[in-house]
């Protein structure tokens, strides 16, 4: 024969209900811990991606700076070449004038 009293049965049911609630809370806490770990891993991946992007931007900045210096050097070299060509053209023009003046002089002319 069952000797449980109604008060003992109620207390047993209350304890069983509390255990069930505790299990639900434990499962919920485990789920939250798993989600938090996933977020931590994702945040670390984002941090790494951000660092990689920062490095790439720095390399691009250096490459742009190098290209700017190369452009300046090319412009300076072009200016030097144009200056040398202009001097050569002046010399050739002066030589042409001299030859033109000399061709006007006849062999017996003395100035």
PDB file of N, CA and C in Angstrom:
ATOM      1  N   UNK A   1       0.825  -1.172   0.000  1.00  0.00           N
ATOM      2  CA  UNK A   1       0.000   0.000   0.000  1.00  0.00           C
ATOM      3  C   UNK A   1       0.876   1.245   0.000  1.00  0.00           C
ATOM      4  N   UNK A   2       0.448   2.256  -0.704  1.00  0.00           N
ATOM      5  CA  UNK A   2       1.215   3.491  -0.828  1.00  0.00           C
ATOM      6  C   UNK A   2       1.020   4.333   0.413  1.00  0.00           C
ATOM      7  N   UNK A   3       2.156   4.650   1.035  1.00  0.00           N
ATOM      8  CA  UNK A   3       2.083   5.351   2.311  1.00  0.00           C
ATOM      9  C   UNK A   3       2.368   6.843   2.171  1.00  0.00           C
ATOM     10  N   UNK A   4       2.373   7.353   1.006  1.00  0.00           N
ATOM     11  CA  UNK A   4       2.651   8.774   0.824  1.00  0.00           C
ATOM     12  C   UNK A   4       1.473   9.614   1.304  1.00  0.00           C
ATOM     13  N   UNK A   5       1.846  10.662   1.974  1.00  0.00           N
ATOM     14  CA  UNK A   5       0.811  11.591   2.422  1.00  0.00           C
ATOM     15  C   UNK A   5       0.612  12.624   1.340  1.00  0.00           C
ATOM     16  N   UNK A   6      -0.524  13.261   1.322  1.00  0.00           N
ATOM     17  CA  UNK A   6      -0.737  14.283   0.302  1.00  0.00           C
ATOM     18  C   UNK A   6       0.309  15.393   0.366  1.00  0.00           C
ATOM     19  N   UNK A   7       0.768  15.763   1.538  1.00  0.00           N
ATOM     20  CA  UNK A   7       1.784  16.808   1.663  1.00  0.00           C
ATOM     21  C   UNK A   7       3.108  16.335   1.078  1.00  0.00           C
ATOM     22  N   UNK A   8       3.477  15.081   1.339  1.00  0.00           N
ATOM     23  CA  UNK A   8       4.723  14.532   0.807  1.00  0.00           C
ATOM     24  C   UNK A   8       4.645  14.412  -0.702  1.00  0.00           C
ATOM     25  N   UNK A   9       3.498  14.009  -1.211  1.00  0.00           N
ATOM     26  CA  UNK A   9       3.307  13.891  -2.655  1.00  0.00           C
ATOM     27  C   UNK A   9       3.415  15.267  -3.306  1.00  0.00           C
ATOM     28  N   UNK A  10       2.833  16.281  -2.692  1.00  0.00           N
ATOM     29  CA  UNK A  10       2.905  17.640  -3.227  1.00  0.00           C
ATOM     30  C   UNK A  10       4.347  18.135  -3.230  1.00  0.00           C
ATOM     31  N   UNK A  11       5.068  17.817  -2.167  1.00  0.00           N
ATOM     32  CA  UNK A  11       6.475  18.242  -2.090  1.00  0.00           C
ATOM     33  C   UNK A  11       7.314  17.517  -3.139  1.00  0.00           C
ATOM     34  N   UNK A  12       7.026  16.225  -3.360  1.00  0.00           N
ATOM     35  CA  UNK A  12       7.744  15.460  -4.374  1.00  0.00           C
ATOM     36  C   UNK A  12       7.478  16.052  -5.755  1.00  0.00           C
ATOM     37  N   UNK A  13       6.227  16.377  -6.048  1.00  0.00           N
ATOM     38  CA  UNK A  13       5.870  16.960  -7.334  1.00  0.00           C
ATOM     39  C   UNK A  13       6.548  18.336  -7.517  1.00  0.00           C
ATOM     40  N   UNK A  14       6.587  19.105  -6.427  1.00  0.00           N
ATOM     41  CA  UNK A  14       7.246  20.419  -6.467  1.00  0.00           C
ATOM     42  C   UNK A  14       8.740  20.257  -6.755  1.00  0.00           C
ATOM     43  N   UNK A  15       9.364  19.279  -6.105  1.00  0.00           N
ATOM     44  CA  UNK A  15      10.797  19.020  -6.322  1.00  0.00           C
ATOM     45  C   UNK A  15      11.035  18.562  -7.759  1.00  0.00           C
ATOM     46  N   UNK A  16      10.173  17.701  -8.285  1.00  0.00           N
ATOM     47  CA  UNK A  16      10.305  17.228  -9.667  1.00  0.00           C
ATOM     48  C   UNK A  16      10.156  18.401 -10.632  1.00  0.00           C
ATOM     49  N   UNK A  17       9.190  19.268 -10.351  1.00  0.00           N
ATOM     50  CA  UNK A  17       8.988  20.455 -11.188  1.00  0.00           C
ATOM     51  C   UNK A  17      10.230  21.365 -11.139  1.00  0.00           C
ATOM     52  N   UNK A  18      10.807  21.558  -9.957  1.00  0.00           N
ATOM     53  CA  UNK A  18      12.007  22.379  -9.795  1.00  0.00           C
ATOM     54  C   UNK A  18      13.177  21.775 -10.554  1.00  0.00           C
ATOM     55  N   UNK A  19      13.317  20.436 -10.513  1.00  0.00           N
ATOM     56  CA  UNK A  19      14.387  19.771 -11.265  1.00  0.00           C
ATOM     57  C   UNK A  19      14.195  19.983 -12.769  1.00  0.00           C
ATOM     58  N   UNK A  20      12.955  19.890 -13.232  1.00  0.00           N
ATOM     59  CA  UNK A  20      12.674  20.099 -14.659  1.00  0.00           C
ATOM     60  C   UNK A  20      13.009  21.538 -15.063  1.00  0.00           C
ATOM     61  N   UNK A  21      12.634  22.490 -14.212  1.00  0.00           N
ATOM     62  CA  UNK A  21      12.960  23.895 -14.503  1.00  0.00           C
ATOM     63  C   UNK A  21      14.469  24.119 -14.504  1.00  0.00           C
ATOM     64  N   UNK A  22      15.163  23.496 -13.553  1.00  0.00           N
ATOM     65  CA  UNK A  22      16.619  23.621 -13.484  1.00  0.00           C
ATOM     66  C   UNK A  22      17.257  23.046 -14.746  1.00  0.00           C
ATOM     67  N   UNK A  23      16.725  21.940 -15.254  1.00  0.00           N
ATOM     68  CA  UNK A  23      17.253  21.338 -16.486  1.00  0.00           C
ATOM     69  C   UNK A  23      17.035  22.278 -17.673  1.00  0.00           C
ATOM     70  N   UNK A  24      15.850  22.889 -17.737  1.00  0.00           N
ATOM     71  CA  UNK A  24      15.564  23.850 -18.813  1.00  0.00           C
ATOM     72  C   UNK A  24      16.554  25.016 -18.726  1.00  0.00           C
ATOM     73  N   UNK A  25      16.790  25.525 -17.525  1.00  0.00           N
ATOM     74  CA  UNK A  25      17.730  26.624 -17.330  1.00  0.00           C
ATOM     75  C   UNK A  25      19.154  26.198 -17.691  1.00  0.00           C
ATOM     76  N   UNK A  26      19.530  24.972 -17.341  1.00  0.00           N
ATOM     77  CA  UNK A  26      20.863  24.465 -17.671  1.00  0.00           C
ATOM     78  C   UNK A  26      21.032  24.392 -19.185  1.00  0.00           C
ATOM     79  N   UNK A  27      20.027  23.877 -19.881  1.00  0.00           N
ATOM     80  CA  UNK A  27      20.079  23.782 -21.345  1.00  0.00           C
ATOM     81  C   UNK A  27      20.146  25.183 -21.946  1.00  0.00           C
ATOM     82  N   UNK A  28      19.358  26.103 -21.406  1.00  0.00           N
ATOM     83  CA  UNK A  28      19.368  27.479 -21.897  1.00  0.00           C
ATOM     84  C   UNK A  28      20.743  28.115 -21.683  1.00  0.00           C
ATOM     85  N   UNK A  29      21.315  27.912 -20.494  1.00  0.00           N
ATOM     86  CA  UNK A  29      22.635  28.471 -20.200  1.00  0.00           C
ATOM     87  C   UNK A  29      23.692  27.881 -21.128  1.00  0.00           C
ATOM     88  N   UNK A  30      23.613  26.597 -21.411  1.00  0.00           N
ATOM     89  CA  UNK A  30      24.568  25.950 -22.325  1.00  0.00           C
ATOM     90  C   UNK A  30      24.416  26.525 -23.730  1.00  0.00           C
ATOM     91  N   UNK A  31      23.169  26.732 -24.134  1.00  0.00           N
ATOM     92  CA  UNK A  31      22.913  27.318 -25.445  1.00  0.00           C
ATOM     93  C   UNK A  31      23.497  28.731 -25.520  1.00  0.00           C
ATOM     94  N   UNK A  32      23.309  29.518 -24.463  1.00  0.00           N
ATOM     95  CA  UNK A  32      23.871  30.866 -24.426  1.00  0.00           C
ATOM     96  C   UNK A  32      25.398  30.835 -24.438  1.00  0.00           C
ATOM     97  N   UNK A  33      25.993  29.889 -23.706  1.00  0.00           N
ATOM     98  CA  UNK A  33      27.449  29.764 -23.690  1.00  0.00           C
ATOM     99  C   UNK A  33      27.964  29.438 -25.089  1.00  0.00           C
ATOM    100  N   UNK A  34      27.270  28.529 -25.787  1.00  0.00           N
ATOM    101  CA  UNK A  34      27.660  28.166 -27.153  1.00  0.00           C
ATOM    102  C   UNK A  34      27.539  29.374 -28.088  1.00  0.00           C
ATOM    103  N   UNK A  35      26.445  30.116 -27.967  1.00  0.00           N
ATOM    104  CA  UNK A  35      26.252  31.308 -28.806  1.00  0.00           C
ATOM    105  C   UNK A  35      27.327  32.344 -28.509  1.00  0.00           C
ATOM    106  N   UNK A  36      27.657  32.527 -27.227  1.00  0.00           N
ATOM    107  CA  UNK A  36      28.698  33.487 -26.856  1.00  0.00           C
ATOM    108  C   UNK A  36      30.044  33.078 -27.435  1.00  0.00           C
ATOM    109  N   UNK A  37      30.344  31.788 -27.423  1.00  0.00           N
ATOM    110  CA  UNK A  37      31.602  31.299 -27.989  1.00  0.00           C
ATOM    111  C   UNK A  37      31.628  31.539 -29.498  1.00  0.00           C
ATOM    112  N   UNK A  38      30.514  31.285 -30.161  1.00  0.00           N
ATOM    113  CA  UNK A  38      30.441  31.534 -31.608  1.00  0.00           C
ATOM    114  C   UNK A  38      30.643  33.018 -31.904  1.00  0.00           C
ATOM    115  N   UNK A  39      30.044  33.887 -31.096  1.00  0.00           N
ATOM    116  CA  UNK A  39      30.234  35.325 -31.288  1.00  0.00           C
ATOM    117  C   UNK A  39      31.678  35.735 -31.047  1.00  0.00           C
ATOM    118  N   UNK A  40      32.325  35.116 -30.048  1.00  0.00           N
ATOM    119  CA  UNK A  40      33.725  35.416 -29.775  1.00  0.00           C
ATOM    120  C   UNK A  40      34.593  35.027 -30.963  1.00  0.00           C
ATOM    121  N   UNK A  41      34.324  33.837 -31.521  1.00  0.00           N
ATOM    122  CA  UNK A  41      35.089  33.367 -32.687  1.00  0.00           C
ATOM    123  C   UNK A  41      34.847  34.303 -33.873  1.00  0.00           C
ATOM    124  N   UNK A  42      33.609  34.679 -34.081  1.00  0.00           N
ATOM    125  CA  UNK A  42      33.285  35.581 -35.190  1.00  0.00           C
ATOM    126  C   UNK A  42      33.944  36.945 -34.995  1.00  0.00           C
ATOM    127  N   UNK A  43      33.930  37.452 -33.778  1.00  0.00           N
ATOM    128  CA  UNK A  43      34.575  38.739 -33.500  1.00  0.00           C
ATOM    129  C   UNK A  43      36.072  38.650 -33.784  1.00  0.00           C
ATOM    130  N   UNK A  44      36.697  37.541 -33.443  1.00  0.00           N
ATOM    131  CA  UNK A  44      38.126  37.352 -33.717  1.00  0.00           C
ATOM    132  C   UNK A  44      38.382  37.317 -35.227  1.00  0.00           C
ATOM    133  N   UNK A  45      37.491  36.648 -35.962  1.00  0.00           N
ATOM    134  CA  UNK A  45      37.627  36.619 -37.425  1.00  0.00           C
ATOM    135  C   UNK A  45      37.500  38.029 -38.001  1.00  0.00           C
ATOM    136  N   UNK A  46      36.543  38.810 -37.493  1.00  0.00           N
ATOM    137  CA  UNK A  46      36.384  40.185 -37.955  1.00  0.00           C
ATOM    138  C   UNK A  46      37.605  41.024 -37.605  1.00  0.00           C
ATOM    139  N   UNK A  47      38.160  40.801 -36.415  1.00  0.00           N
ATOM    140  CA  UNK A  47      39.353  41.539 -36.011  1.00  0.00           C
ATOM    141  C   UNK A  47      40.505  41.237 -36.954  1.00  0.00           C
ATOM    142  N   UNK A  48      40.669  39.955 -37.280  1.00  0.00           N
ATOM    143  CA  UNK A  48      41.742  39.566 -38.212  1.00  0.00           C
ATOM    144  C   UNK A  48      41.514  40.167 -39.587  1.00  0.00           C
ATOM    145  N   UNK A  49      40.267  40.115 -40.061  1.00  0.00           N
ATOM    146  CA  UNK A  49      39.955  40.693 -41.376  1.00  0.00           C
ATOM    147  C   UNK A  49      40.215  42.195 -41.372  1.00  0.00           C
ATOM    148  N   UNK A  50      39.865  42.846 -40.290  1.00  0.00           N
ATOM    149  CA  UNK A  50      40.111  44.281 -40.173  1.00  0.00           C
ATOM    150  C   UNK A  50      41.604  44.575 -40.197  1.00  0.00           C
ATOM    151  N   UNK A  51      42.375  43.777 -39.498  1.00  0.00           N
ATOM    152  CA  UNK A  51      43.833  43.960 -39.473  1.00  0.00           C
ATOM    153  C   UNK A  51      44.420  43.711 -40.870  1.00  0.00           C
ATOM    154  N   UNK A  52      43.927  42.682 -41.557  1.00  0.00           N
ATOM    155  CA  UNK A  52      44.394  42.410 -42.919  1.00  0.00           C
ATOM    156  C   UNK A  52      44.057  43.580 -43.849  1.00  0.00           C
ATOM    157  N   UNK A  53      42.851  44.126 -43.695  1.00  0.00           N
ATOM    158  CA  UNK A  53      42.447  45.271 -44.516  1.00  0.00           C
ATOM    159  C   UNK A  53      43.317  46.489 -44.207  1.00  0.00           C
ATOM    160  N   UNK A  54      43.647  46.686 -42.924  1.00  0.00           N
ATOM    161  CA  UNK A  54      44.510  47.804 -42.552  1.00  0.00           C
ATOM    162  C   UNK A  54      45.880  47.653 -43.188  1.00  0.00           C
ATOM    163  N   UNK A  55      46.423  46.417 -43.141  1.00  0.00           N
ATOM    164  CA  UNK A  55      47.732  46.179 -43.759  1.00  0.00           C
ATOM    165  C   UNK A  55      47.674  46.414 -45.269  1.00  0.00           C
ATOM    166  N   UNK A  56      46.612  45.931 -45.913  1.00  0.00           N
ATOM    167  CA  UNK A  56      46.469  46.122 -47.360  1.00  0.00           C
ATOM    168  C   UNK A  56      46.369  47.607 -47.705  1.00  0.00           C
ATOM    169  N   UNK A  57      45.635  48.353 -46.887  1.00  0.00           N
ATOM    170  CA  UNK A  57      45.512  49.794 -47.125  1.00  0.00           C
ATOM    171  C   UNK A  57      46.868  50.481 -46.963  1.00  0.00           C
ATOM    172  N   UNK A  58      47.636  50.053 -45.978  1.00  0.00           N
ATOM    173  CA  UNK A  58      48.970  50.630 -45.766  1.00  0.00           C
ATOM    174  C   UNK A  58      49.881  50.310 -46.950  1.00  0.00           C
ATOM    175  N   UNK A  59      49.817  49.080 -47.448  1.00  0.00           N
ATOM    176  CA  UNK A  59      50.624  48.707 -48.619  1.00  0.00           C
ATOM    177  C   UNK A  59      50.192  49.503 -49.847  1.00  0.00           C
ATOM    178  N   UNK A  60      48.879  49.704 -50.005  1.00  0.00           N
ATOM    179  CA  UNK A  60      48.380  50.489 -51.137  1.00  0.00           C
ATOM    180  C   UNK A  60      48.845  51.940 -51.021  1.00  0.00           C
ATOM    181  N   UNK A  61      48.846  52.478 -49.785  1.00  0.00           N
ATOM    182  CA  UNK A  61      49.324  53.849 -49.578  1.00  0.00           C
ATOM    183  C   UNK A  61      50.788  53.961 -49.956  1.00  0.00           C
ATOM    184  N   UNK A  62      51.595  52.954 -49.525  1.00  0.00           N
ATOM    185  CA  UNK A  62      53.022  52.969 -49.877  1.00  0.00           C
ATOM    186  C   UNK A  62      53.206  52.864 -51.391  1.00  0.00           C
ATOM    187  N   UNK A  63      52.421  52.003 -52.040  1.00  0.00           N
ATOM    188  CA  UNK A  63      52.530  51.853 -53.493  1.00  0.00           C
ATOM    189  C   UNK A  63      52.150  53.155 -54.197  1.00  0.00           C
ATOM    190  N   UNK A  64      51.115  53.822 -53.708  1.00  0.00           N
ATOM    191  CA  UNK A  64      50.708  55.105 -54.306  1.00  0.00           C
ATOM    192  C   UNK A  64      51.805  56.146 -54.111  1.00  0.00           C
ATOM    193  N   UNK A  65      52.418  56.148 -52.946  1.00  0.00           N
ATOM    194  CA  UNK A  65      53.511  57.091 -52.676  1.00  0.00           C
ATOM    195  C   UNK A  65      54.705  56.804 -53.592  1.00  0.00           C
ATOM    196  N   UNK A  66      55.033  55.523 -53.759  1.00  0.00           N
ATOM    197  CA  UNK A  66      56.120  55.149 -54.665  1.00  0.00           C
ATOM    198  C   UNK A  66      55.798  55.570 -56.104  1.00  0.00           C
ATOM    199  N   UNK A  67      54.534  55.371 -56.509  1.00  0.00           N
ATOM    200  CA  UNK A  67      54.129  55.763 -57.860  1.00  0.00           C
ATOM    201  C   UNK A  67      54.218  57.280 -58.030  1.00  0.00           C
ATOM    202  N   UNK A  68      53.850  58.006 -56.990  1.00  0.00           N
ATOM    203  CA  UNK A  68      53.943  59.474 -57.050  1.00  0.00           C
ATOM    204  C   UNK A  68      55.391  59.913 -57.230  1.00  0.00           C
ATOM    205  N   UNK A  69      56.297  59.294 -56.469  1.00  0.00           N
ATOM    206  CA  UNK A  69      57.718  59.631 -56.604  1.00  0.00           C
ATOM    207  C   UNK A  69      58.237  59.256 -57.998  1.00  0.00           C
ATOM    208  N   UNK A  70      57.809  58.107 -58.515  1.00  0.00           N
ATOM    209  CA  UNK A  70      58.232  57.698 -59.858  1.00  0.00           C
ATOM    210  C   UNK A  70      57.721  58.684 -60.903  1.00  0.00           C
ATOM    211  N   UNK A  71      56.498  59.171 -60.720  1.00  0.00           N
ATOM    212  CA  UNK A  71      55.937  60.146 -61.652  1.00  0.00           C
ATOM    213  C   UNK A  71      56.737  61.448 -61.605  1.00  0.00           C
ATOM    214  N   UNK A  72      57.061  61.883 -60.399  1.00  0.00           N
ATOM    215  CA  UNK A  72      57.871  63.110 -60.254  1.00  0.00           C
ATOM    216  C   UNK A  72      59.221  62.937 -60.937  1.00  0.00           C
ATOM    217  N   UNK A  73      59.853  61.774 -60.725  1.00  0.00           N
ATOM    218  CA  UNK A  73      61.144  61.510 -61.369  1.00  0.00           C
ATOM    219  C   UNK A  73      61.007  61.489 -62.888  1.00  0.00           C
ATOM    220  N   UNK A  74      59.912  60.897 -63.398  1.00  0.00           N
ATOM    221  CA  UNK A  74      59.703  60.842 -64.850  1.00  0.00           C
ATOM    222  C   UNK A  74      59.483  62.234 -65.421  1.00  0.00           C
ATOM    223  N   UNK A  75      58.729  63.065 -64.715  1.00  0.00           N
ATOM    224  CA  UNK A  75      58.503  64.438 -65.178  1.00  0.00           C
ATOM    225  C   UNK A  75      59.821  65.211 -65.189  1.00  0.00           C
ATOM    226  N   UNK A  76      60.639  65.023 -64.155  1.00  0.00           N
ATOM    227  CA  UNK A  76      61.932  65.708 -64.101  1.00  0.00           C
ATOM    228  C   UNK A  76      62.834  65.245 -65.250  1.00  0.00           C
ATOM    229  N   UNK A  77      62.830  63.944 -65.533  1.00  0.00           N
ATOM    230  CA  UNK A  77      63.643  63.423 -66.640  1.00  0.00           C
ATOM    231  C   UNK A  77      63.139  63.967 -67.972  1.00  0.00           C
ATOM    232  N   UNK A  78      61.833  64.072 -68.118  1.00  0.00           N
ATOM    233  CA  UNK A  78      61.264  64.620 -69.353  1.00  0.00           C
ATOM    234  C   UNK A  78      61.655  66.089 -69.504  1.00  0.00           C
ATOM    235  N   UNK A  79      61.597  66.835 -68.414  1.00  0.00           N
ATOM    236  CA  UNK A  79      61.989  68.247 -68.462  1.00  0.00           C
ATOM    237  C   UNK A  79      63.457  68.380 -68.845  1.00  0.00           C
ATOM    238  N   UNK A  80      64.315  67.517 -68.281  1.00  0.00           N
ATOM    239  CA  UNK A  80      65.742  67.547 -68.639  1.00  0.00           C
ATOM    240  C   UNK A  80      65.932  67.236 -70.118  1.00  0.00           C
ATOM    241  N   UNK A  81      65.203  66.225 -70.606  1.00  0.00           N
ATOM    242  CA  UNK A  81      65.331  65.854 -72.025  1.00  0.00           C
ATOM    243  C   UNK A  81      64.850  66.982 -72.922  1.00  0.00           C
ATOM    244  N   UNK A  82      63.740  67.612 -72.550  1.00  0.00           N
ATOM    245  CA  UNK A  82      63.237  68.738 -73.351  1.00  0.00           C
ATOM    246  C   UNK A  82      64.206  69.911 -73.332  1.00  0.00           C
ATOM    247  N   UNK A  83      64.804  70.161 -72.187  1.00  0.00           N
ATOM    248  CA  UNK A  83      65.778  71.243 -72.076  1.00  0.00           C
ATOM    249  C   UNK A  83      66.984  70.960 -72.971  1.00  0.00           C
ATOM    250  N   UNK A  84      67.470  69.724 -72.936  1.00  0.00           N
ATOM    251  CA  UNK A  84      68.617  69.363 -73.776  1.00  0.00           C
ATOM    252  C   UNK A  84      68.249  69.472 -75.255  1.00  0.00           C
ATOM    253  N   UNK A  85      67.046  69.058 -75.626  1.00  0.00           N
ATOM    254  CA  UNK A  85      66.601  69.157 -77.023  1.00  0.00           C
ATOM    255  C   UNK A  85      66.499  70.614 -77.452  1.00  0.00           C
ATOM    256  N   UNK A  86      65.997  71.471 -76.570  1.00  0.00           N
ATOM    257  CA  UNK A  86      65.895  72.887 -76.885  1.00  0.00           C
ATOM    258  C   UNK A  86      67.287  73.493 -77.109  1.00  0.00           C
ATOM    259  N   UNK A  87      68.227  73.166 -76.254  1.00  0.00           N
ATOM    260  CA  UNK A  87      69.588  73.669 -76.414  1.00  0.00           C
ATOM    261  C   UNK A  87      70.183  73.186 -77.737  1.00  0.00           C
ATOM    262  N   UNK A  88      69.915  71.920 -78.053  1.00  0.00           N
ATOM    263  CA  UNK A  88      70.421  71.373 -79.323  1.00  0.00           C
ATOM    264  C   UNK A  88      69.781  72.112 -80.500  1.00  0.00           C
ATOM    265  N   UNK A  89      68.473  72.401 -80.405  1.00  0.00           N
ATOM    266  CA  UNK A  89      67.790  73.121 -81.483  1.00  0.00           C
ATOM    267  C   UNK A  89      68.354  74.539 -81.619  1.00  0.00           C
ATOM    268  N   UNK A  90      68.661  75.200 -80.509  1.00  0.00           N
ATOM    269  CA  UNK A  90      69.254  76.543 -80.559  1.00  0.00           C
ATOM    270  C   UNK A  90      70.612  76.494 -81.247  1.00  0.00           C
ATOM    271  N   UNK A  91      71.410  75.488 -80.881  1.00  0.00           N
ATOM    272  CA  UNK A  91      72.722  75.341 -81.493  1.00  0.00           C
ATOM    273  C   UNK A  91      72.583  75.130 -82.992  1.00  0.00           C
ATOM    274  N   UNK A  92      71.671  74.241 -83.393  1.00  0.00           N
ATOM    275  CA  UNK A  92      71.484  73.957 -84.821  1.00  0.00           C
ATOM    276  C   UNK A  92      70.971  75.191 -85.571  1.00  0.00           C
ATOM    277  N   UNK A  93      70.097  75.964 -84.948  1.00  0.00           N
ATOM    278  CA  UNK A  93      69.594  77.188 -85.577  1.00  0.00           C
ATOM    279  C   UNK A  93      70.731  78.197 -85.744  1.00  0.00           C
ATOM    280  N   UNK A  94      71.567  78.328 -84.744  1.00  0.00           N
ATOM    281  CA  UNK A  94      72.710  79.241 -84.836  1.00  0.00           C
ATOM    282  C   UNK A  94      73.680  78.761 -85.924  1.00  0.00           C
ATOM    283  N   UNK A  95      73.883  77.463 -85.996  1.00  0.00           N
ATOM    284  CA  UNK A  95      74.760  76.917 -87.050  1.00  0.00           C
ATOM    285  C   UNK A  95      74.164  77.169 -88.427  1.00  0.00           C
ATOM    286  N   UNK A  96      72.861  77.029 -88.557  1.00  0.00           N
ATOM    287  CA  UNK A  96      72.199  77.279 -89.845  1.00  0.00           C
ATOM    288  C   UNK A  96      72.360  78.747 -90.236  1.00  0.00           C
ATOM    289  N   UNK A  97      72.196  79.662 -89.298  1.00  0.00           N
ATOM    290  CA  UNK A  97      72.374  81.090 -89.591  1.00  0.00           C
ATOM    291  C   UNK A  97      73.799  81.384 -90.013  1.00  0.00           C
ATOM    292  N   UNK A  98      74.734  80.785 -89.277  1.00  0.00           N
ATOM    293  CA  UNK A  98      76.143  80.998 -89.614  1.00  0.00           C
ATOM    294  C   UNK A  98      76.420  80.497 -91.032  1.00  0.00           C
ATOM    295  N   UNK A  99      75.916  79.315 -91.350  1.00  0.00           N
ATOM    296  CA  UNK A  99      76.131  78.760 -92.697  1.00  0.00           C
ATOM    297  C   UNK A  99      75.470  79.643 -93.750  1.00  0.00           C
ATOM    298  N   UNK A 100      74.324  80.187 -93.455  1.00  0.00           N
ATOM    299  CA  UNK A 100      73.614  81.069 -94.381  1.00  0.00           C
ATOM    300  C   UNK A 100      74.434  82.338 -94.626  1.00  0.00           C
ATOM    301  N   UNK A 101      74.986  82.906 -93.557  1.00  0.00           N
ATOM    302  CA  UNK A 101      75.808  84.104 -93.682  1.00  0.00           C
ATOM    303  C   UNK A 101      77.084  83.783 -94.461  1.00  0.00           C
ATOM    304  N   UNK A 102      77.684  82.642 -94.171  1.00  0.00           N
ATOM    305  CA  UNK A 102      78.912  82.272 -94.876  1.00  0.00           C
ATOM    306  C   UNK A 102      78.650  82.000 -96.351  1.00  0.00           C
ATOM    307  N   UNK A 103      77.485  81.498 -96.669  1.00  0.00           N
ATOM    308  CA  UNK A 103      77.208  81.200 -98.078  1.00  0.00           C
ATOM    309  C   UNK A 103      77.005  82.481 -98.884  1.00  0.00           C
ATOM    310  N   UNK A 104      76.714  83.603 -98.220  1.00  0.00           N
ATOM    311  CA  UNK A 104      76.539  84.870 -98.908  1.00  0.00           C
ATOM    312  C   UNK A 104      77.894  85.506 -99.275  1.00  0.00           C
ATOM    313  N   UNK A 105      78.941  85.110 -98.592  1.00  0.00           N
ATOM    314  CA  UNK A 105      80.262  85.665 -98.845  1.00  0.00           C
ATOM    315  C   UNK A 105      80.859  84.983-100.066  1.00  0.00           C
ATOM    316  N   UNK A 106      81.363  85.807-100.973  1.00  0.00           N
ATOM    317  CA  UNK A 106      81.963  85.255-102.184  1.00  0.00           C
ATOM    318  C   UNK A 106      83.441  84.987-101.907  1.00  0.00           C
ATOM    319  N   UNK A 107      84.054  84.094-102.650  1.00  0.00           N
ATOM    320  CA  UNK A 107      85.404  83.697-102.317  1.00  0.00           C
ATOM    321  C   UNK A 107      86.406  84.866-102.286  1.00  0.00           C
ATOM    322  N   UNK A 108      86.249  85.888-102.997  1.00  0.00           N
ATOM    323  CA  UNK A 108      87.220  86.974-103.020  1.00  0.00           C
ATOM    324  C   UNK A 108      86.905  88.118-102.059  1.00  0.00           C
ATOM    325  N   UNK A 109      85.740  88.027-101.392  1.00  0.00           N
ATOM    326  CA  UNK A 109      85.350  89.104-100.455  1.00  0.00           C
ATOM    327  C   UNK A 109      86.140  89.007 -99.169  1.00  0.00           C
ATOM    328  N   UNK A 110      86.620  90.168 -98.745  1.00  0.00           N
ATOM    329  CA  UNK A 110      87.286  90.245 -97.448  1.00  0.00           C
ATOM    330  C   UNK A 110      86.594  91.355 -96.685  1.00  0.00           C
ATOM    331  N   UNK A 111      86.231  91.111 -95.516  1.00  0.00           N
ATOM    332  CA  UNK A 111      85.546  92.130 -94.701  1.00  0.00           C
ATOM    333  C   UNK A 111      86.464  92.810 -93.783  1.00  0.00           C
TER     334      UNK A 111
END
